[in-house]
Amino acid sequence: RTQQYALVAEPKDSGGIPWLNVGLLVA
């Protein structure tokens, strides 16, 4: 094959407080 499928596994965020989201919400 010159093209084939690929399963792509990407690490999820480890968590923590999303400070940008919180700051924009407060504003």
PDB file of all heavy atoms in Angstrom:
ATOM      1  N   ARG A   1       0.845  -1.195   0.000  1.00  0.00           N
ATOM      2  CA  ARG A   1       0.000   0.000   0.000  1.00  0.00           C
ATOM      3  C   ARG A   1       0.886   1.252   0.000  1.00  0.00           C
ATOM      4  O   ARG A   1       1.939   1.281   0.594  1.00  0.00           O
ATOM      5  CB  ARG A   1      -0.878   0.050   1.266  1.00  0.00           C
ATOM      6  CG  ARG A   1      -2.076  -0.852   1.226  1.00  0.00           C
ATOM      7  CD  ARG A   1      -2.878  -0.635   2.503  1.00  0.00           C
ATOM      8  NE  ARG A   1      -4.040  -1.496   2.531  1.00  0.00           N
ATOM      9  CZ  ARG A   1      -5.227  -1.147   2.061  1.00  0.00           C
ATOM     10  NH1 ARG A   1      -5.381   0.030   1.501  1.00  0.00           N
ATOM     11  NH2 ARG A   1      -6.241  -1.986   2.124  1.00  0.00           N
ATOM     12  N   THR A   2       0.449   2.301  -0.668  1.00  0.00           N
ATOM     13  CA  THR A   2       1.058   3.609  -0.502  1.00  0.00           C
ATOM     14  C   THR A   2       0.238   4.451   0.468  1.00  0.00           C
ATOM     15  O   THR A   2       0.710   5.454   0.952  1.00  0.00           O
ATOM     16  CB  THR A   2       1.161   4.323  -1.851  1.00  0.00           C
ATOM     17  OG1 THR A   2      -0.152   4.416  -2.415  1.00  0.00           O
ATOM     18  CG2 THR A   2       2.066   3.552  -2.803  1.00  0.00           C
ATOM     19  N   GLN A   3      -1.025   4.061   0.732  1.00  0.00           N
ATOM     20  CA  GLN A   3      -1.879   4.704   1.724  1.00  0.00           C
ATOM     21  C   GLN A   3      -2.530   3.613   2.559  1.00  0.00           C
ATOM     22  O   GLN A   3      -2.927   2.588   2.028  1.00  0.00           O
ATOM     23  CB  GLN A   3      -2.969   5.547   1.056  1.00  0.00           C
ATOM     24  CG  GLN A   3      -2.446   6.779   0.336  1.00  0.00           C
ATOM     25  CD  GLN A   3      -2.078   7.893   1.299  1.00  0.00           C
ATOM     26  OE1 GLN A   3      -2.685   8.037   2.342  1.00  0.00           O
ATOM     27  NE2 GLN A   3      -1.075   8.673   0.939  1.00  0.00           N
ATOM     28  N   GLN A   4      -2.617   3.835   3.845  1.00  0.00           N
ATOM     29  CA  GLN A   4      -3.277   2.871   4.699  1.00  0.00           C
ATOM     30  C   GLN A   4      -3.859   3.589   5.905  1.00  0.00           C
ATOM     31  O   GLN A   4      -3.612   4.767   6.118  1.00  0.00           O
ATOM     32  CB  GLN A   4      -2.304   1.779   5.151  1.00  0.00           C
ATOM     33  CG  GLN A   4      -1.124   2.294   5.970  1.00  0.00           C
ATOM     34  CD  GLN A   4      -0.179   1.185   6.369  1.00  0.00           C
ATOM     35  OE1 GLN A   4      -0.631   0.103   6.724  1.00  0.00           O
ATOM     36  NE2 GLN A   4       1.117   1.430   6.295  1.00  0.00           N
ATOM     37  N   TYR A   5      -4.646   2.859   6.660  1.00  0.00           N
ATOM     38  CA  TYR A   5      -5.247   3.437   7.852  1.00  0.00           C
ATOM     39  C   TYR A   5      -4.220   3.553   8.972  1.00  0.00           C
ATOM     40  O   TYR A   5      -3.234   2.810   9.021  1.00  0.00           O
ATOM     41  CB  TYR A   5      -6.402   2.562   8.329  1.00  0.00           C
ATOM     42  CG  TYR A   5      -7.663   2.696   7.522  1.00  0.00           C
ATOM     43  CD1 TYR A   5      -8.039   1.722   6.611  1.00  0.00           C
ATOM     44  CD2 TYR A   5      -8.486   3.804   7.688  1.00  0.00           C
ATOM     45  CE1 TYR A   5      -9.199   1.844   5.871  1.00  0.00           C
ATOM     46  CE2 TYR A   5      -9.647   3.936   6.958  1.00  0.00           C
ATOM     47  CZ  TYR A   5     -10.012   2.955   6.049  1.00  0.00           C
ATOM     48  OH  TYR A   5     -11.166   3.089   5.331  1.00  0.00           O
ATOM     49  N   ALA A   6      -4.510   4.492   9.864  1.00  0.00           N
ATOM     50  CA  ALA A   6      -3.706   4.607  11.077  1.00  0.00           C
ATOM     51  C   ALA A   6      -4.630   4.945  12.230  1.00  0.00           C
ATOM     52  O   ALA A   6      -5.421   5.880  12.146  1.00  0.00           O
ATOM     53  CB  ALA A   6      -2.639   5.688  10.927  1.00  0.00           C
ATOM     54  N   LEU A   7      -4.537   4.142  13.286  1.00  0.00           N
ATOM     55  CA  LEU A   7      -5.173   4.503  14.549  1.00  0.00           C
ATOM     56  C   LEU A   7      -4.254   5.482  15.262  1.00  0.00           C
ATOM     57  O   LEU A   7      -3.065   5.198  15.443  1.00  0.00           O
ATOM     58  CB  LEU A   7      -5.378   3.263  15.425  1.00  0.00           C
ATOM     59  CG  LEU A   7      -6.549   2.340  15.086  1.00  0.00           C
ATOM     60  CD1 LEU A   7      -6.470   1.076  15.945  1.00  0.00           C
ATOM     61  CD2 LEU A   7      -7.877   3.037  15.303  1.00  0.00           C
ATOM     62  N   VAL A   8      -4.785   6.634  15.632  1.00  0.00           N
ATOM     63  CA  VAL A   8      -3.981   7.678  16.256  1.00  0.00           C
ATOM     64  C   VAL A   8      -4.402   7.825  17.713  1.00  0.00           C
ATOM     65  O   VAL A   8      -5.541   8.202  18.002  1.00  0.00           O
ATOM     66  CB  VAL A   8      -4.132   9.023  15.517  1.00  0.00           C
ATOM     67  CG1 VAL A   8      -3.249  10.082  16.164  1.00  0.00           C
ATOM     68  CG2 VAL A   8      -3.798   8.857  14.043  1.00  0.00           C
ATOM     69  N   ALA A   9      -3.487   7.504  18.612  1.00  0.00           N
ATOM     70  CA  ALA A   9      -3.744   7.612  20.048  1.00  0.00           C
ATOM     71  C   ALA A   9      -2.980   8.821  20.568  1.00  0.00           C
ATOM     72  O   ALA A   9      -1.738   8.860  20.508  1.00  0.00           O
ATOM     73  CB  ALA A   9      -3.305   6.342  20.771  1.00  0.00           C
ATOM     74  N   GLU A  10      -3.716   9.818  21.073  1.00  0.00           N
ATOM     75  CA  GLU A  10      -3.114  11.040  21.586  1.00  0.00           C
ATOM     76  C   GLU A  10      -3.340  11.126  23.087  1.00  0.00           C
ATOM     77  O   GLU A  10      -4.466  10.898  23.554  1.00  0.00           O
ATOM     78  CB  GLU A  10      -3.701  12.266  20.899  1.00  0.00           C
ATOM     79  CG  GLU A  10      -3.426  12.303  19.406  1.00  0.00           C
ATOM     80  CD  GLU A  10      -4.071  13.496  18.733  1.00  0.00           C
ATOM     81  OE1 GLU A  10      -5.314  13.546  18.696  1.00  0.00           O
ATOM     82  OE2 GLU A  10      -3.337  14.365  18.244  1.00  0.00           O
ATOM     83  N   PRO A  11      -2.303  11.450  23.852  1.00  0.00           N
ATOM     84  CA  PRO A  11      -2.479  11.544  25.312  1.00  0.00           C
ATOM     85  C   PRO A  11      -3.434  12.664  25.677  1.00  0.00           C
ATOM     86  O   PRO A  11      -3.368  13.765  25.127  1.00  0.00           O
ATOM     87  CB  PRO A  11      -1.064  11.819  25.821  1.00  0.00           C
ATOM     88  CG  PRO A  11      -0.332  12.381  24.646  1.00  0.00           C
ATOM     89  CD  PRO A  11      -0.937  11.755  23.434  1.00  0.00           C
ATOM     90  N   LYS A  12      -4.330  12.361  26.595  1.00  0.00           N
ATOM     91  CA  LYS A  12      -5.268  13.380  27.060  1.00  0.00           C
ATOM     92  C   LYS A  12      -4.571  14.297  28.053  1.00  0.00           C
ATOM     93  O   LYS A  12      -3.532  13.966  28.622  1.00  0.00           O
ATOM     94  CB  LYS A  12      -6.483  12.716  27.729  1.00  0.00           C
ATOM     95  CG  LYS A  12      -7.324  11.879  26.790  1.00  0.00           C
ATOM     96  CD  LYS A  12      -8.524  11.296  27.525  1.00  0.00           C
ATOM     97  CE  LYS A  12      -9.405  10.477  26.600  1.00  0.00           C
ATOM     98  NZ  LYS A  12     -10.571   9.893  27.311  1.00  0.00           N
ATOM     99  N   ASP A  13      -5.185  15.449  28.261  1.00  0.00           N
ATOM    100  CA  ASP A  13      -4.658  16.370  29.262  1.00  0.00           C
ATOM    101  C   ASP A  13      -4.648  15.698  30.628  1.00  0.00           C
ATOM    102  O   ASP A  13      -5.577  14.961  30.980  1.00  0.00           O
ATOM    103  CB  ASP A  13      -5.501  17.641  29.336  1.00  0.00           C
ATOM    104  CG  ASP A  13      -5.312  18.503  28.098  1.00  0.00           C
ATOM    105  OD1 ASP A  13      -4.274  18.336  27.432  1.00  0.00           O
ATOM    106  OD2 ASP A  13      -6.209  19.315  27.800  1.00  0.00           O
ATOM    107  N   SER A  14      -3.631  16.008  31.420  1.00  0.00           N
ATOM    108  CA  SER A  14      -3.506  15.366  32.733  1.00  0.00           C
ATOM    109  C   SER A  14      -4.466  15.937  33.765  1.00  0.00           C
ATOM    110  O   SER A  14      -4.564  15.440  34.868  1.00  0.00           O
ATOM    111  CB  SER A  14      -2.063  15.520  33.237  1.00  0.00           C
ATOM    112  OG  SER A  14      -1.708  16.893  33.303  1.00  0.00           O
ATOM    113  N   GLY A  15      -5.186  16.994  33.382  1.00  0.00           N
ATOM    114  CA  GLY A  15      -6.142  17.566  34.326  1.00  0.00           C
ATOM    115  C   GLY A  15      -5.649  18.905  34.838  1.00  0.00           C
ATOM    116  O   GLY A  15      -4.859  19.597  34.207  1.00  0.00           O
ATOM    117  N   GLY A  16      -6.122  19.290  35.998  1.00  0.00           N
ATOM    118  CA  GLY A  16      -5.765  20.585  36.549  1.00  0.00           C
ATOM    119  C   GLY A  16      -6.838  21.614  36.250  1.00  0.00           C
ATOM    120  O   GLY A  16      -7.791  21.359  35.513  1.00  0.00           O
ATOM    121  N   ILE A  17      -6.669  22.777  36.813  1.00  0.00           N
ATOM    122  CA  ILE A  17      -7.651  23.849  36.648  1.00  0.00           C
ATOM    123  C   ILE A  17      -7.409  24.563  35.332  1.00  0.00           C
ATOM    124  O   ILE A  17      -6.291  25.044  35.079  1.00  0.00           O
ATOM    125  CB  ILE A  17      -7.559  24.835  37.818  1.00  0.00           C
ATOM    126  CG1 ILE A  17      -7.855  24.117  39.143  1.00  0.00           C
ATOM    127  CG2 ILE A  17      -8.540  25.992  37.625  1.00  0.00           C
ATOM    128  CD1 ILE A  17      -7.663  24.983  40.365  1.00  0.00           C
ATOM    129  N   PRO A  18      -8.409  24.658  34.465  1.00  0.00           N
ATOM    130  CA  PRO A  18      -8.245  25.379  33.189  1.00  0.00           C
ATOM    131  C   PRO A  18      -8.333  26.887  33.427  1.00  0.00           C
ATOM    132  O   PRO A  18      -9.377  27.510  33.249  1.00  0.00           O
ATOM    133  CB  PRO A  18      -9.414  24.851  32.353  1.00  0.00           C
ATOM    134  CG  PRO A  18     -10.469  24.494  33.340  1.00  0.00           C
ATOM    135  CD  PRO A  18      -9.740  24.032  34.574  1.00  0.00           C
ATOM    136  N   TRP A  19      -7.215  27.479  33.804  1.00  0.00           N
ATOM    137  CA  TRP A  19      -7.229  28.860  34.274  1.00  0.00           C
ATOM    138  C   TRP A  19      -7.690  29.835  33.199  1.00  0.00           C
ATOM    139  O   TRP A  19      -8.349  30.835  33.507  1.00  0.00           O
ATOM    140  CB  TRP A  19      -5.835  29.250  34.780  1.00  0.00           C
ATOM    141  CG  TRP A  19      -5.483  28.590  36.073  1.00  0.00           C
ATOM    142  CD1 TRP A  19      -4.518  27.647  36.292  1.00  0.00           C
ATOM    143  CD2 TRP A  19      -6.106  28.826  37.344  1.00  0.00           C
ATOM    144  NE1 TRP A  19      -4.503  27.272  37.610  1.00  0.00           N
ATOM    145  CE2 TRP A  19      -5.466  27.986  38.289  1.00  0.00           C
ATOM    146  CE3 TRP A  19      -7.142  29.656  37.781  1.00  0.00           C
ATOM    147  CZ2 TRP A  19      -5.817  27.953  39.626  1.00  0.00           C
ATOM    148  CZ3 TRP A  19      -7.497  29.632  39.117  1.00  0.00           C
ATOM    149  CH2 TRP A  19      -6.838  28.795  40.024  1.00  0.00           C
ATOM    150  N   LEU A  20      -7.345  29.593  31.939  1.00  0.00           N
ATOM    151  CA  LEU A  20      -7.782  30.505  30.883  1.00  0.00           C
ATOM    152  C   LEU A  20      -9.299  30.494  30.754  1.00  0.00           C
ATOM    153  O   LEU A  20      -9.935  31.554  30.642  1.00  0.00           O
ATOM    154  CB  LEU A  20      -7.131  30.130  29.552  1.00  0.00           C
ATOM    155  CG  LEU A  20      -7.517  31.009  28.354  1.00  0.00           C
ATOM    156  CD1 LEU A  20      -7.174  32.468  28.621  1.00  0.00           C
ATOM    157  CD2 LEU A  20      -6.827  30.511  27.085  1.00  0.00           C
ATOM    158  N   ASN A  21      -9.898  29.306  30.790  1.00  0.00           N
ATOM    159  CA  ASN A  21     -11.362  29.208  30.725  1.00  0.00           C
ATOM    160  C   ASN A  21     -12.008  29.920  31.906  1.00  0.00           C
ATOM    161  O   ASN A  21     -12.989  30.660  31.739  1.00  0.00           O
ATOM    162  CB  ASN A  21     -11.798  27.741  30.714  1.00  0.00           C
ATOM    163  CG  ASN A  21     -11.226  26.969  29.549  1.00  0.00           C
ATOM    164  OD1 ASN A  21     -10.057  26.607  29.573  1.00  0.00           O
ATOM    165  ND2 ASN A  21     -12.025  26.711  28.537  1.00  0.00           N
ATOM    166  N   VAL A  22     -11.450  29.705  33.083  1.00  0.00           N
ATOM    167  CA  VAL A  22     -12.009  30.321  34.293  1.00  0.00           C
ATOM    168  C   VAL A  22     -11.875  31.833  34.222  1.00  0.00           C
ATOM    169  O   VAL A  22     -12.815  32.583  34.530  1.00  0.00           O
ATOM    170  CB  VAL A  22     -11.326  29.765  35.550  1.00  0.00           C
ATOM    171  CG1 VAL A  22     -11.780  30.531  36.789  1.00  0.00           C
ATOM    172  CG2 VAL A  22     -11.630  28.278  35.711  1.00  0.00           C
ATOM    173  N   GLY A  23     -10.701  32.316  33.830  1.00  0.00           N
ATOM    174  CA  GLY A  23     -10.481  33.751  33.760  1.00  0.00           C
ATOM    175  C   GLY A  23     -11.401  34.440  32.767  1.00  0.00           C
ATOM    176  O   GLY A  23     -11.964  35.512  33.056  1.00  0.00           O
ATOM    177  N   LEU A  24     -11.579  33.829  31.593  1.00  0.00           N
ATOM    178  CA  LEU A  24     -12.481  34.407  30.595  1.00  0.00           C
ATOM    179  C   LEU A  24     -13.925  34.378  31.071  1.00  0.00           C
ATOM    180  O   LEU A  24     -14.697  35.314  30.805  1.00  0.00           O
ATOM    181  CB  LEU A  24     -12.341  33.657  29.268  1.00  0.00           C
ATOM    182  CG  LEU A  24     -11.056  33.927  28.484  1.00  0.00           C
ATOM    183  CD1 LEU A  24     -10.961  32.998  27.275  1.00  0.00           C
ATOM    184  CD2 LEU A  24     -10.997  35.382  28.032  1.00  0.00           C
ATOM    185  N   LEU A  25     -14.315  33.322  31.775  1.00  0.00           N
ATOM    186  CA  LEU A  25     -15.675  33.254  32.304  1.00  0.00           C
ATOM    187  C   LEU A  25     -15.916  34.367  33.319  1.00  0.00           C
ATOM    188  O   LEU A  25     -16.949  35.051  33.283  1.00  0.00           O
ATOM    189  CB  LEU A  25     -15.925  31.893  32.941  1.00  0.00           C
ATOM    190  CG  LEU A  25     -17.280  31.714  33.639  1.00  0.00           C
ATOM    191  CD1 LEU A  25     -18.430  31.949  32.675  1.00  0.00           C
ATOM    192  CD2 LEU A  25     -17.386  30.335  34.287  1.00  0.00           C
ATOM    193  N   VAL A  26     -14.948  34.576  34.228  1.00  0.00           N
ATOM    194  CA  VAL A  26     -15.091  35.631  35.233  1.00  0.00           C
ATOM    195  C   VAL A  26     -15.177  37.001  34.553  1.00  0.00           C
ATOM    196  O   VAL A  26     -16.014  37.843  34.906  1.00  0.00           O
ATOM    197  CB  VAL A  26     -13.920  35.586  36.225  1.00  0.00           C
ATOM    198  CG1 VAL A  26     -13.933  36.813  37.136  1.00  0.00           C
ATOM    199  CG2 VAL A  26     -13.977  34.309  37.059  1.00  0.00           C
ATOM    200  N   ALA A  27     -14.327  37.226  33.552  1.00  0.00           N
ATOM    201  CA  ALA A  27     -14.347  38.502  32.832  1.00  0.00           C
ATOM    202  C   ALA A  27     -15.666  38.691  32.098  1.00  0.00           C
ATOM    203  O   ALA A  27     -16.211  39.809  32.039  1.00  0.00           O
ATOM    204  CB  ALA A  27     -13.175  38.572  31.858  1.00  0.00           C
TER     205      ALA A  27
END
